[in-house]
């Protein structure tokens, strides 16, 4: 069962055939809506961490600063970690993990 069927979104149809999707090696395959969220929030997350003097923030603080729900940011953070832009420096039992901008993340933030 695909994502759209699983969540009752199969009425949305399929992607147009001319819409190219580039998949990076090692990057998680994301459903269309989630991929859009990652694109929309990635720069904001990286900018928030880059603005912090230590380049480190807790997940709940990032969400508060961006006025965004944690469940919206979690997949974005997961992709940024898997792509090497962030690293998890501490885990919290409630999910308020600490993340740090990597050198790759700092390069992206500088551009």
PDB file of N, CA and C in Angstrom:
ATOM      1  N   UNK A   1       0.856  -1.175   0.000  1.00  0.00           N
ATOM      2  CA  UNK A   1       0.000   0.000   0.000  1.00  0.00           C
ATOM      3  C   UNK A   1       0.904   1.240   0.000  1.00  0.00           C
ATOM      4  N   UNK A   2       0.634   2.176  -0.898  1.00  0.00           N
ATOM      5  CA  UNK A   2       1.470   3.375  -0.940  1.00  0.00           C
ATOM      6  C   UNK A   2       0.945   4.430   0.039  1.00  0.00           C
ATOM      7  N   UNK A   3       1.687   5.493   0.168  1.00  0.00           N
ATOM      8  CA  UNK A   3       1.391   6.559   1.130  1.00  0.00           C
ATOM      9  C   UNK A   3      -0.013   7.134   0.946  1.00  0.00           C
ATOM     10  N   UNK A   4      -0.387   7.422  -0.285  1.00  0.00           N
ATOM     11  CA  UNK A   4      -1.690   8.047  -0.536  1.00  0.00           C
ATOM     12  C   UNK A   4      -2.830   7.137  -0.124  1.00  0.00           C
ATOM     13  N   UNK A   5      -2.718   5.845  -0.435  1.00  0.00           N
ATOM     14  CA  UNK A   5      -3.756   4.903  -0.045  1.00  0.00           C
ATOM     15  C   UNK A   5      -3.793   4.730   1.468  1.00  0.00           C
ATOM     16  N   UNK A   6      -2.626   4.639   2.080  1.00  0.00           N
ATOM     17  CA  UNK A   6      -2.532   4.416   3.517  1.00  0.00           C
ATOM     18  C   UNK A   6      -3.227   5.517   4.307  1.00  0.00           C
ATOM     19  N   UNK A   7      -3.122   6.747   3.843  1.00  0.00           N
ATOM     20  CA  UNK A   7      -3.693   7.870   4.565  1.00  0.00           C
ATOM     21  C   UNK A   7      -4.962   8.420   3.908  1.00  0.00           C
ATOM     22  N   UNK A   8      -5.539   7.641   2.990  1.00  0.00           N
ATOM     23  CA  UNK A   8      -6.791   8.047   2.371  1.00  0.00           C
ATOM     24  C   UNK A   8      -6.649   9.226   1.432  1.00  0.00           C
ATOM     25  N   UNK A   9      -5.486   9.367   0.821  1.00  0.00           N
ATOM     26  CA  UNK A   9      -5.240  10.499  -0.071  1.00  0.00           C
ATOM     27  C   UNK A   9      -5.150  10.062  -1.534  1.00  0.00           C
ATOM     28  N   UNK A  10      -5.606   8.841  -1.836  1.00  0.00           N
ATOM     29  CA  UNK A  10      -5.471   8.330  -3.196  1.00  0.00           C
ATOM     30  C   UNK A  10      -6.292   9.134  -4.204  1.00  0.00           C
ATOM     31  N   UNK A  11      -7.253   9.925  -3.725  1.00  0.00           N
ATOM     32  CA  UNK A  11      -8.039  10.766  -4.619  1.00  0.00           C
ATOM     33  C   UNK A  11      -7.194  11.880  -5.238  1.00  0.00           C
ATOM     34  N   UNK A  12      -5.992  12.115  -4.685  1.00  0.00           N
ATOM     35  CA  UNK A  12      -5.137  13.180  -5.203  1.00  0.00           C
ATOM     36  C   UNK A  12      -4.530  12.827  -6.552  1.00  0.00           C
ATOM     37  N   UNK A  13      -4.621  11.565  -6.939  1.00  0.00           N
ATOM     38  CA  UNK A  13      -4.085  11.152  -8.227  1.00  0.00           C
ATOM     39  C   UNK A  13      -2.594  10.926  -8.170  1.00  0.00           C
ATOM     40  N   UNK A  14      -2.017  10.806  -9.337  1.00  0.00           N
ATOM     41  CA  UNK A  14      -0.579  10.558  -9.428  1.00  0.00           C
ATOM     42  C   UNK A  14       0.117  11.810  -9.912  1.00  0.00           C
ATOM     43  N   UNK A  15       1.424  11.818  -9.772  1.00  0.00           N
ATOM     44  CA  UNK A  15       2.208  12.962 -10.234  1.00  0.00           C
ATOM     45  C   UNK A  15       2.168  13.038 -11.757  1.00  0.00           C
ATOM     46  N   UNK A  16       2.187  14.234 -12.316  1.00  0.00           N
ATOM     47  CA  UNK A  16       2.236  14.361 -13.775  1.00  0.00           C
ATOM     48  C   UNK A  16       3.481  13.675 -14.316  1.00  0.00           C
ATOM     49  N   UNK A  17       3.388  13.040 -15.493  1.00  0.00           N
ATOM     50  CA  UNK A  17       4.527  12.296 -16.021  1.00  0.00           C
ATOM     51  C   UNK A  17       5.735  13.164 -16.323  1.00  0.00           C
ATOM     52  N   UNK A  18       5.549  14.452 -16.586  1.00  0.00           N
ATOM     53  CA  UNK A  18       6.684  15.316 -16.917  1.00  0.00           C
ATOM     54  C   UNK A  18       7.378  15.886 -15.680  1.00  0.00           C
ATOM     55  N   UNK A  19       6.873  15.541 -14.491  1.00  0.00           N
ATOM     56  CA  UNK A  19       7.475  16.058 -13.260  1.00  0.00           C
ATOM     57  C   UNK A  19       8.630  15.150 -12.866  1.00  0.00           C
ATOM     58  N   UNK A  20       9.830  15.648 -13.022  1.00  0.00           N
ATOM     59  CA  UNK A  20      11.012  14.851 -12.704  1.00  0.00           C
ATOM     60  C   UNK A  20      11.284  14.914 -11.212  1.00  0.00           C
ATOM     61  N   UNK A  21      11.625  13.776 -10.659  1.00  0.00           N
ATOM     62  CA  UNK A  21      11.974  13.700  -9.249  1.00  0.00           C
ATOM     63  C   UNK A  21      13.384  13.148  -9.166  1.00  0.00           C
ATOM     64  N   UNK A  22      14.267  13.929  -8.581  1.00  0.00           N
ATOM     65  CA  UNK A  22      15.642  13.479  -8.423  1.00  0.00           C
ATOM     66  C   UNK A  22      15.799  12.880  -7.043  1.00  0.00           C
ATOM     67  N   UNK A  23      16.287  11.647  -7.018  1.00  0.00           N
ATOM     68  CA  UNK A  23      16.526  10.996  -5.745  1.00  0.00           C
ATOM     69  C   UNK A  23      18.021  10.891  -5.536  1.00  0.00           C
ATOM     70  N   UNK A  24      18.469  11.313  -4.387  1.00  0.00           N
ATOM     71  CA  UNK A  24      19.878  11.213  -4.045  1.00  0.00           C
ATOM     72  C   UNK A  24      20.140   9.864  -3.413  1.00  0.00           C
ATOM     73  N   UNK A  25      21.325   9.382  -3.632  1.00  0.00           N
ATOM     74  CA  UNK A  25      21.709   8.127  -3.023  1.00  0.00           C
ATOM     75  C   UNK A  25      21.771   8.321  -1.512  1.00  0.00           C
ATOM     76  N   UNK A  26      21.130   7.452  -0.764  1.00  0.00           N
ATOM     77  CA  UNK A  26      21.127   7.532   0.686  1.00  0.00           C
ATOM     78  C   UNK A  26      20.025   8.404   1.252  1.00  0.00           C
ATOM     79  N   UNK A  27      19.387   9.234   0.427  1.00  0.00           N
ATOM     80  CA  UNK A  27      18.305  10.092   0.913  1.00  0.00           C
ATOM     81  C   UNK A  27      17.030   9.268   1.006  1.00  0.00           C
ATOM     82  N   UNK A  28      16.263   9.474   2.063  1.00  0.00           N
ATOM     83  CA  UNK A  28      15.022   8.724   2.178  1.00  0.00           C
ATOM     84  C   UNK A  28      14.037   9.146   1.093  1.00  0.00           C
ATOM     85  N   UNK A  29      13.295   8.181   0.577  1.00  0.00           N
ATOM     86  CA  UNK A  29      12.270   8.467  -0.402  1.00  0.00           C
ATOM     87  C   UNK A  29      11.068   9.048   0.335  1.00  0.00           C
ATOM     88  N   UNK A  30      10.640  10.228  -0.069  1.00  0.00           N
ATOM     89  CA  UNK A  30       9.573  10.923   0.639  1.00  0.00           C
ATOM     90  C   UNK A  30       8.334  11.034  -0.226  1.00  0.00           C
ATOM     91  N   UNK A  31       7.165  10.906   0.374  1.00  0.00           N
ATOM     92  CA  UNK A  31       5.939  11.188  -0.357  1.00  0.00           C
ATOM     93  C   UNK A  31       5.931  12.653  -0.801  1.00  0.00           C
ATOM     94  N   UNK A  32       5.192  12.966  -1.840  1.00  0.00           N
ATOM     95  CA  UNK A  32       5.193  14.313  -2.424  1.00  0.00           C
ATOM     96  C   UNK A  32       4.965  15.408  -1.391  1.00  0.00           C
ATOM     97  N   UNK A  33       3.957  15.317  -0.580  1.00  0.00           N
ATOM     98  CA  UNK A  33       3.670  16.367   0.395  1.00  0.00           C
ATOM     99  C   UNK A  33       4.771  16.532   1.413  1.00  0.00           C
ATOM    100  N   UNK A  34       5.338  15.428   1.852  1.00  0.00           N
ATOM    101  CA  UNK A  34       6.411  15.490   2.831  1.00  0.00           C
ATOM    102  C   UNK A  34       7.677  16.054   2.201  1.00  0.00           C
ATOM    103  N   UNK A  35       7.927  15.706   0.953  1.00  0.00           N
ATOM    104  CA  UNK A  35       9.071  16.274   0.242  1.00  0.00           C
ATOM    105  C   UNK A  35       8.969  17.784   0.126  1.00  0.00           C
ATOM    106  N   UNK A  36       7.748  18.268  -0.122  1.00  0.00           N
ATOM    107  CA  UNK A  36       7.524  19.718  -0.203  1.00  0.00           C
ATOM    108  C   UNK A  36       7.788  20.390   1.140  1.00  0.00           C
ATOM    109  N   UNK A  37       7.383  19.737   2.231  1.00  0.00           N
ATOM    110  CA  UNK A  37       7.613  20.291   3.570  1.00  0.00           C
ATOM    111  C   UNK A  37       9.106  20.362   3.863  1.00  0.00           C
ATOM    112  N   UNK A  38       9.834  19.336   3.472  1.00  0.00           N
ATOM    113  CA  UNK A  38      11.282  19.323   3.698  1.00  0.00           C
ATOM    114  C   UNK A  38      11.936  20.486   2.957  1.00  0.00           C
ATOM    115  N   UNK A  39      11.527  20.693   1.718  1.00  0.00           N
ATOM    116  CA  UNK A  39      12.087  21.801   0.937  1.00  0.00           C
ATOM    117  C   UNK A  39      11.737  23.137   1.586  1.00  0.00           C
ATOM    118  N   UNK A  40      10.490  23.286   2.008  1.00  0.00           N
ATOM    119  CA  UNK A  40      10.032  24.552   2.577  1.00  0.00           C
ATOM    120  C   UNK A  40      10.709  24.880   3.903  1.00  0.00           C
ATOM    121  N   UNK A  41      10.953  23.883   4.739  1.00  0.00           N
ATOM    122  CA  UNK A  41      11.460  24.136   6.085  1.00  0.00           C
ATOM    123  C   UNK A  41      12.970  23.956   6.242  1.00  0.00           C
ATOM    124  N   UNK A  42      13.629  23.295   5.316  1.00  0.00           N
ATOM    125  CA  UNK A  42      15.061  23.034   5.468  1.00  0.00           C
ATOM    126  C   UNK A  42      15.874  24.310   5.635  1.00  0.00           C
ATOM    127  N   UNK A  43      15.656  25.274   4.770  1.00  0.00           N
ATOM    128  CA  UNK A  43      16.420  26.523   4.842  1.00  0.00           C
ATOM    129  C   UNK A  43      16.134  27.258   6.145  1.00  0.00           C
ATOM    130  N   UNK A  44      14.882  27.223   6.596  1.00  0.00           N
ATOM    131  CA  UNK A  44      14.525  27.899   7.843  1.00  0.00           C
ATOM    132  C   UNK A  44      15.224  27.260   9.035  1.00  0.00           C
ATOM    133  N   UNK A  45      15.278  25.935   9.055  1.00  0.00           N
ATOM    134  CA  UNK A  45      15.945  25.217  10.150  1.00  0.00           C
ATOM    135  C   UNK A  45      17.438  25.525  10.134  1.00  0.00           C
ATOM    136  N   UNK A  46      18.048  25.450   8.971  1.00  0.00           N
ATOM    137  CA  UNK A  46      19.485  25.731   8.854  1.00  0.00           C
ATOM    138  C   UNK A  46      19.785  27.173   9.248  1.00  0.00           C
ATOM    139  N   UNK A  47      18.957  28.108   8.821  1.00  0.00           N
ATOM    140  CA  UNK A  47      19.163  29.517   9.186  1.00  0.00           C
ATOM    141  C   UNK A  47      19.021  29.736  10.690  1.00  0.00           C
ATOM    142  N   UNK A  48      18.053  29.063  11.313  1.00  0.00           N
ATOM    143  CA  UNK A  48      17.863  29.198  12.766  1.00  0.00           C
ATOM    144  C   UNK A  48      19.091  28.701  13.514  1.00  0.00           C
ATOM    145  N   UNK A  49      19.619  27.561  13.105  1.00  0.00           N
ATOM    146  CA  UNK A  49      20.818  27.024  13.758  1.00  0.00           C
ATOM    147  C   UNK A  49      22.034  27.909  13.478  1.00  0.00           C
ATOM    148  N   UNK A  50      22.142  28.410  12.269  1.00  0.00           N
ATOM    149  CA  UNK A  50      23.277  29.250  11.905  1.00  0.00           C
ATOM    150  C   UNK A  50      23.270  30.571  12.674  1.00  0.00           C
ATOM    151  N   UNK A  51      22.096  31.084  12.990  1.00  0.00           N
ATOM    152  CA  UNK A  51      21.986  32.342  13.736  1.00  0.00           C
ATOM    153  C   UNK A  51      22.367  32.181  15.200  1.00  0.00           C
ATOM    154  N   UNK A  52      22.304  30.965  15.709  1.00  0.00           N
ATOM    155  CA  UNK A  52      22.669  30.696  17.095  1.00  0.00           C
ATOM    156  C   UNK A  52      24.201  30.678  17.208  1.00  0.00           C
ATOM    157  N   UNK A  53      24.779  31.386  18.169  1.00  0.00           N
ATOM    158  CA  UNK A  53      26.243  31.448  18.282  1.00  0.00           C
ATOM    159  C   UNK A  53      26.928  30.079  18.385  1.00  0.00           C
ATOM    160  N   UNK A  54      26.271  29.108  19.022  1.00  0.00           N
ATOM    161  CA  UNK A  54      26.874  27.779  19.162  1.00  0.00           C
ATOM    162  C   UNK A  54      26.541  26.865  17.995  1.00  0.00           C
ATOM    163  N   UNK A  55      25.674  27.327  17.082  1.00  0.00           N
ATOM    164  CA  UNK A  55      25.204  26.528  15.939  1.00  0.00           C
ATOM    165  C   UNK A  55      24.489  25.270  16.404  1.00  0.00           C
ATOM    166  N   UNK A  56      23.959  25.312  17.627  1.00  0.00           N
ATOM    167  CA  UNK A  56      23.299  24.175  18.253  1.00  0.00           C
ATOM    168  C   UNK A  56      21.972  24.626  18.841  1.00  0.00           C
ATOM    169  N   UNK A  57      20.923  23.797  18.664  1.00  0.00           N
ATOM    170  CA  UNK A  57      19.613  24.100  19.237  1.00  0.00           C
ATOM    171  C   UNK A  57      18.873  22.800  19.532  1.00  0.00           C
ATOM    172  N   UNK A  58      17.939  22.906  20.470  1.00  0.00           N
ATOM    173  CA  UNK A  58      17.060  21.787  20.776  1.00  0.00           C
ATOM    174  C   UNK A  58      15.853  21.855  19.832  1.00  0.00           C
ATOM    175  N   UNK A  59      15.281  20.692  19.536  1.00  0.00           N
ATOM    176  CA  UNK A  59      14.176  20.609  18.591  1.00  0.00           C
ATOM    177  C   UNK A  59      13.006  21.508  18.971  1.00  0.00           C
ATOM    178  N   UNK A  60      12.615  21.493  20.245  1.00  0.00           N
ATOM    179  CA  UNK A  60      11.473  22.299  20.662  1.00  0.00           C
ATOM    180  C   UNK A  60      11.766  23.793  20.523  1.00  0.00           C
ATOM    181  N   UNK A  61      13.020  24.194  20.714  1.00  0.00           N
ATOM    182  CA  UNK A  61      13.396  25.604  20.549  1.00  0.00           C
ATOM    183  C   UNK A  61      13.342  26.012  19.071  1.00  0.00           C
ATOM    184  N   UNK A  62      13.756  25.104  18.192  1.00  0.00           N
ATOM    185  CA  UNK A  62      13.668  25.386  16.753  1.00  0.00           C
ATOM    186  C   UNK A  62      12.202  25.566  16.370  1.00  0.00           C
ATOM    187  N   UNK A  63      11.362  24.648  16.833  1.00  0.00           N
ATOM    188  CA  UNK A  63       9.930  24.716  16.522  1.00  0.00           C
ATOM    189  C   UNK A  63       9.320  26.012  17.037  1.00  0.00           C
ATOM    190  N   UNK A  64       9.681  26.401  18.245  1.00  0.00           N
ATOM    191  CA  UNK A  64       9.148  27.635  18.832  1.00  0.00           C
ATOM    192  C   UNK A  64       9.614  28.850  18.020  1.00  0.00           C
ATOM    193  N   UNK A  65      10.886  28.874  17.666  1.00  0.00           N
ATOM    194  CA  UNK A  65      11.424  30.017  16.919  1.00  0.00           C
ATOM    195  C   UNK A  65      10.779  30.131  15.537  1.00  0.00           C
ATOM    196  N   UNK A  66      10.486  28.998  14.901  1.00  0.00           N
ATOM    197  CA  UNK A  66       9.895  29.015  13.567  1.00  0.00           C
ATOM    198  C   UNK A  66       8.367  29.011  13.598  1.00  0.00           C
ATOM    199  N   UNK A  67       7.800  29.000  14.807  1.00  0.00           N
ATOM    200  CA  UNK A  67       6.338  28.930  14.976  1.00  0.00           C
ATOM    201  C   UNK A  67       5.760  27.760  14.186  1.00  0.00           C
ATOM    202  N   UNK A  68       6.384  26.602  14.369  1.00  0.00           N
ATOM    203  CA  UNK A  68       6.021  25.399  13.631  1.00  0.00           C
ATOM    204  C   UNK A  68       5.847  24.242  14.599  1.00  0.00           C
ATOM    205  N   UNK A  69       4.953  23.344  14.263  1.00  0.00           N
ATOM    206  CA  UNK A  69       4.730  22.157  15.087  1.00  0.00           C
ATOM    207  C   UNK A  69       5.932  21.214  15.002  1.00  0.00           C
ATOM    208  N   UNK A  70       6.210  20.550  16.100  1.00  0.00           N
ATOM    209  CA  UNK A  70       7.322  19.609  16.162  1.00  0.00           C
ATOM    210  C   UNK A  70       7.108  18.456  15.178  1.00  0.00           C
ATOM    211  N   UNK A  71       5.869  17.981  15.041  1.00  0.00           N
ATOM    212  CA  UNK A  71       5.624  16.871  14.119  1.00  0.00           C
ATOM    213  C   UNK A  71       5.828  17.273  12.658  1.00  0.00           C
ATOM    214  N   UNK A  72       5.799  18.554  12.359  1.00  0.00           N
ATOM    215  CA  UNK A  72       6.131  19.029  11.019  1.00  0.00           C
ATOM    216  C   UNK A  72       7.642  19.075  10.836  1.00  0.00           C
ATOM    217  N   UNK A  73       8.364  19.475  11.869  1.00  0.00           N
ATOM    218  CA  UNK A  73       9.820  19.596  11.776  1.00  0.00           C
ATOM    219  C   UNK A  73      10.554  18.259  11.862  1.00  0.00           C
ATOM    220  N   UNK A  74       9.999  17.294  12.541  1.00  0.00           N
ATOM    221  CA  UNK A  74      10.702  16.021  12.752  1.00  0.00           C
ATOM    222  C   UNK A  74      11.182  15.364  11.461  1.00  0.00           C
ATOM    223  N   UNK A  75      10.338  15.220  10.436  1.00  0.00           N
ATOM    224  CA  UNK A  75      10.847  14.616   9.199  1.00  0.00           C
ATOM    225  C   UNK A  75      11.876  15.502   8.493  1.00  0.00           C
ATOM    226  N   UNK A  76      11.729  16.803   8.632  1.00  0.00           N
ATOM    227  CA  UNK A  76      12.698  17.728   8.034  1.00  0.00           C
ATOM    228  C   UNK A  76      14.056  17.534   8.698  1.00  0.00           C
ATOM    229  N   UNK A  77      14.059  17.485  10.011  1.00  0.00           N
ATOM    230  CA  UNK A  77      15.296  17.273  10.766  1.00  0.00           C
ATOM    231  C   UNK A  77      15.909  15.930  10.393  1.00  0.00           C
ATOM    232  N   UNK A  78      15.063  14.895  10.281  1.00  0.00           N
ATOM    233  CA  UNK A  78      15.549  13.549   9.941  1.00  0.00           C
ATOM    234  C   UNK A  78      16.269  13.562   8.593  1.00  0.00           C
ATOM    235  N   UNK A  79      15.716  14.255   7.609  1.00  0.00           N
ATOM    236  CA  UNK A  79      16.351  14.343   6.286  1.00  0.00           C
ATOM    237  C   UNK A  79      17.645  15.145   6.374  1.00  0.00           C
ATOM    238  N   UNK A  80      17.626  16.262   7.094  1.00  0.00           N
ATOM    239  CA  UNK A  80      18.841  17.080   7.218  1.00  0.00           C
ATOM    240  C   UNK A  80      19.968  16.306   7.905  1.00  0.00           C
ATOM    241  N   UNK A  81      19.625  15.459   8.864  1.00  0.00           N
ATOM    242  CA  UNK A  81      20.632  14.614   9.521  1.00  0.00           C
ATOM    243  C   UNK A  81      21.144  13.568   8.536  1.00  0.00           C
ATOM    244  N   UNK A  82      20.236  12.915   7.814  1.00  0.00           N
ATOM    245  CA  UNK A  82      20.653  11.862   6.875  1.00  0.00           C
ATOM    246  C   UNK A  82      21.501  12.419   5.731  1.00  0.00           C
ATOM    247  N   UNK A  83      21.271  13.676   5.381  1.00  0.00           N
ATOM    248  CA  UNK A  83      22.043  14.313   4.312  1.00  0.00           C
ATOM    249  C   UNK A  83      23.358  14.914   4.820  1.00  0.00           C
ATOM    250  N   UNK A  84      23.549  14.937   6.142  1.00  0.00           N
ATOM    251  CA  UNK A  84      24.806  15.419   6.698  1.00  0.00           C
ATOM    252  C   UNK A  84      24.861  16.904   6.991  1.00  0.00           C
ATOM    253  N   UNK A  85      23.730  17.596   6.958  1.00  0.00           N
ATOM    254  CA  UNK A  85      23.707  19.027   7.260  1.00  0.00           C
ATOM    255  C   UNK A  85      23.594  19.296   8.759  1.00  0.00           C
ATOM    256  N   UNK A  86      23.011  18.363   9.486  1.00  0.00           N
ATOM    257  CA  UNK A  86      22.885  18.450  10.940  1.00  0.00           C
ATOM    258  C   UNK A  86      23.384  17.164  11.555  1.00  0.00           C
ATOM    259  N   UNK A  87      23.775  17.265  12.814  1.00  0.00           N
ATOM    260  CA  UNK A  87      24.072  16.051  13.573  1.00  0.00           C
ATOM    261  C   UNK A  87      23.361  16.135  14.916  1.00  0.00           C
ATOM    262  N   UNK A  88      22.885  14.993  15.364  1.00  0.00           N
ATOM    263  CA  UNK A  88      22.216  14.905  16.664  1.00  0.00           C
ATOM    264  C   UNK A  88      23.317  14.797  17.710  1.00  0.00           C
ATOM    265  N   UNK A  89      23.367  15.762  18.632  1.00  0.00           N
ATOM    266  CA  UNK A  89      24.424  15.754  19.647  1.00  0.00           C
ATOM    267  C   UNK A  89      23.947  15.234  20.990  1.00  0.00           C
ATOM    268  N   UNK A  90      22.644  15.241  21.217  1.00  0.00           N
ATOM    269  CA  UNK A  90      22.091  14.711  22.470  1.00  0.00           C
ATOM    270  C   UNK A  90      20.659  14.272  22.234  1.00  0.00           C
ATOM    271  N   UNK A  91      20.290  13.165  22.876  1.00  0.00           N
ATOM    272  CA  UNK A  91      18.919  12.673  22.783  1.00  0.00           C
ATOM    273  C   UNK A  91      18.195  12.948  24.085  1.00  0.00           C
ATOM    274  N   UNK A  92      16.899  13.214  23.964  1.00  0.00           N
ATOM    275  CA  UNK A  92      16.057  13.510  25.110  1.00  0.00           C
ATOM    276  C   UNK A  92      14.925  12.489  25.134  1.00  0.00           C
ATOM    277  N   UNK A  93      14.545  12.047  26.316  1.00  0.00           N
ATOM    278  CA  UNK A  93      13.500  11.035  26.431  1.00  0.00           C
ATOM    279  C   UNK A  93      12.143  11.530  25.932  1.00  0.00           C
ATOM    280  N   UNK A  94      11.939  12.837  25.887  1.00  0.00           N
ATOM    281  CA  UNK A  94      10.683  13.401  25.394  1.00  0.00           C
ATOM    282  C   UNK A  94      10.763  13.816  23.919  1.00  0.00           C
ATOM    283  N   UNK A  95      11.904  13.587  23.289  1.00  0.00           N
ATOM    284  CA  UNK A  95      12.056  13.927  21.880  1.00  0.00           C
ATOM    285  C   UNK A  95      12.643  15.296  21.621  1.00  0.00           C
ATOM    286  N   UNK A  96      13.024  16.004  22.680  1.00  0.00           N
ATOM    287  CA  UNK A  96      13.612  17.336  22.524  1.00  0.00           C
ATOM    288  C   UNK A  96      15.122  17.202  22.337  1.00  0.00           C
ATOM    289  N   UNK A  97      15.502  16.499  21.262  1.00  0.00           N
ATOM    290  CA  UNK A  97      16.906  16.238  20.984  1.00  0.00           C
ATOM    291  C   UNK A  97      17.630  17.529  20.602  1.00  0.00           C
ATOM    292  N   UNK A  98      18.937  17.507  20.771  1.00  0.00           N
ATOM    293  CA  UNK A  98      19.769  18.654  20.426  1.00  0.00           C
ATOM    294  C   UNK A  98      20.463  18.379  19.100  1.00  0.00           C
ATOM    295  N   UNK A  99      20.467  19.374  18.228  1.00  0.00           N
ATOM    296  CA  UNK A  99      21.070  19.245  16.907  1.00  0.00           C
ATOM    297  C   UNK A  99      22.095  20.340  16.692  1.00  0.00           C
ATOM    298  N   UNK A 100      23.129  19.989  15.960  1.00  0.00           N
ATOM    299  CA  UNK A 100      24.205  20.934  15.662  1.00  0.00           C
ATOM    300  C   UNK A 100      24.399  21.004  14.159  1.00  0.00           C
ATOM    301  N   UNK A 101      24.659  22.188  13.663  1.00  0.00           N
ATOM    302  CA  UNK A 101      24.941  22.403  12.258  1.00  0.00           C
ATOM    303  C   UNK A 101      26.324  21.838  11.935  1.00  0.00           C
ATOM    304  N   UNK A 102      26.438  21.014  10.924  1.00  0.00           N
ATOM    305  CA  UNK A 102      27.730  20.453  10.521  1.00  0.00           C
ATOM    306  C   UNK A 102      28.445  21.440   9.604  1.00  0.00           C
ATOM    307  N   UNK A 103      29.653  21.099   9.206  1.00  0.00           N
ATOM    308  CA  UNK A 103      30.391  21.956   8.269  1.00  0.00           C
ATOM    309  C   UNK A 103      29.633  22.086   6.951  1.00  0.00           C
ATOM    310  N   UNK A 104      29.017  20.982   6.494  1.00  0.00           N
ATOM    311  CA  UNK A 104      28.207  21.040   5.258  1.00  0.00           C
ATOM    312  C   UNK A 104      27.026  21.971   5.445  1.00  0.00           C
ATOM    313  N   UNK A 105      26.398  21.917   6.610  1.00  0.00           N
ATOM    314  CA  UNK A 105      25.276  22.802   6.901  1.00  0.00           C
ATOM    315  C   UNK A 105      25.691  24.258   6.953  1.00  0.00           C
ATOM    316  N   UNK A 106      26.881  24.507   7.498  1.00  0.00           N
ATOM    317  CA  UNK A 106      27.379  25.884   7.563  1.00  0.00           C
ATOM    318  C   UNK A 106      27.654  26.422   6.157  1.00  0.00           C
ATOM    319  N   UNK A 107      28.161  25.565   5.266  1.00  0.00           N
ATOM    320  CA  UNK A 107      28.410  25.991   3.879  1.00  0.00           C
ATOM    321  C   UNK A 107      27.106  26.350   3.188  1.00  0.00           C
ATOM    322  N   UNK A 108      26.071  25.542   3.400  1.00  0.00           N
ATOM    323  CA  UNK A 108      24.767  25.816   2.793  1.00  0.00           C
ATOM    324  C   UNK A 108      24.185  27.108   3.347  1.00  0.00           C
ATOM    325  N   UNK A 109      24.354  27.326   4.653  1.00  0.00           N
ATOM    326  CA  UNK A 109      23.812  28.530   5.292  1.00  0.00           C
ATOM    327  C   UNK A 109      24.507  29.785   4.791  1.00  0.00           C
ATOM    328  N   UNK A 110      25.768  29.667   4.438  1.00  0.00           N
ATOM    329  CA  UNK A 110      26.549  30.822   3.993  1.00  0.00           C
ATOM    330  C   UNK A 110      26.167  31.261   2.583  1.00  0.00           C
ATOM    331  N   UNK A 111      25.514  30.382   1.828  1.00  0.00           N
ATOM    332  CA  UNK A 111      25.200  30.739   0.435  1.00  0.00           C
ATOM    333  C   UNK A 111      23.867  31.410   0.315  1.00  0.00           C
TER     334      UNK A 111
END
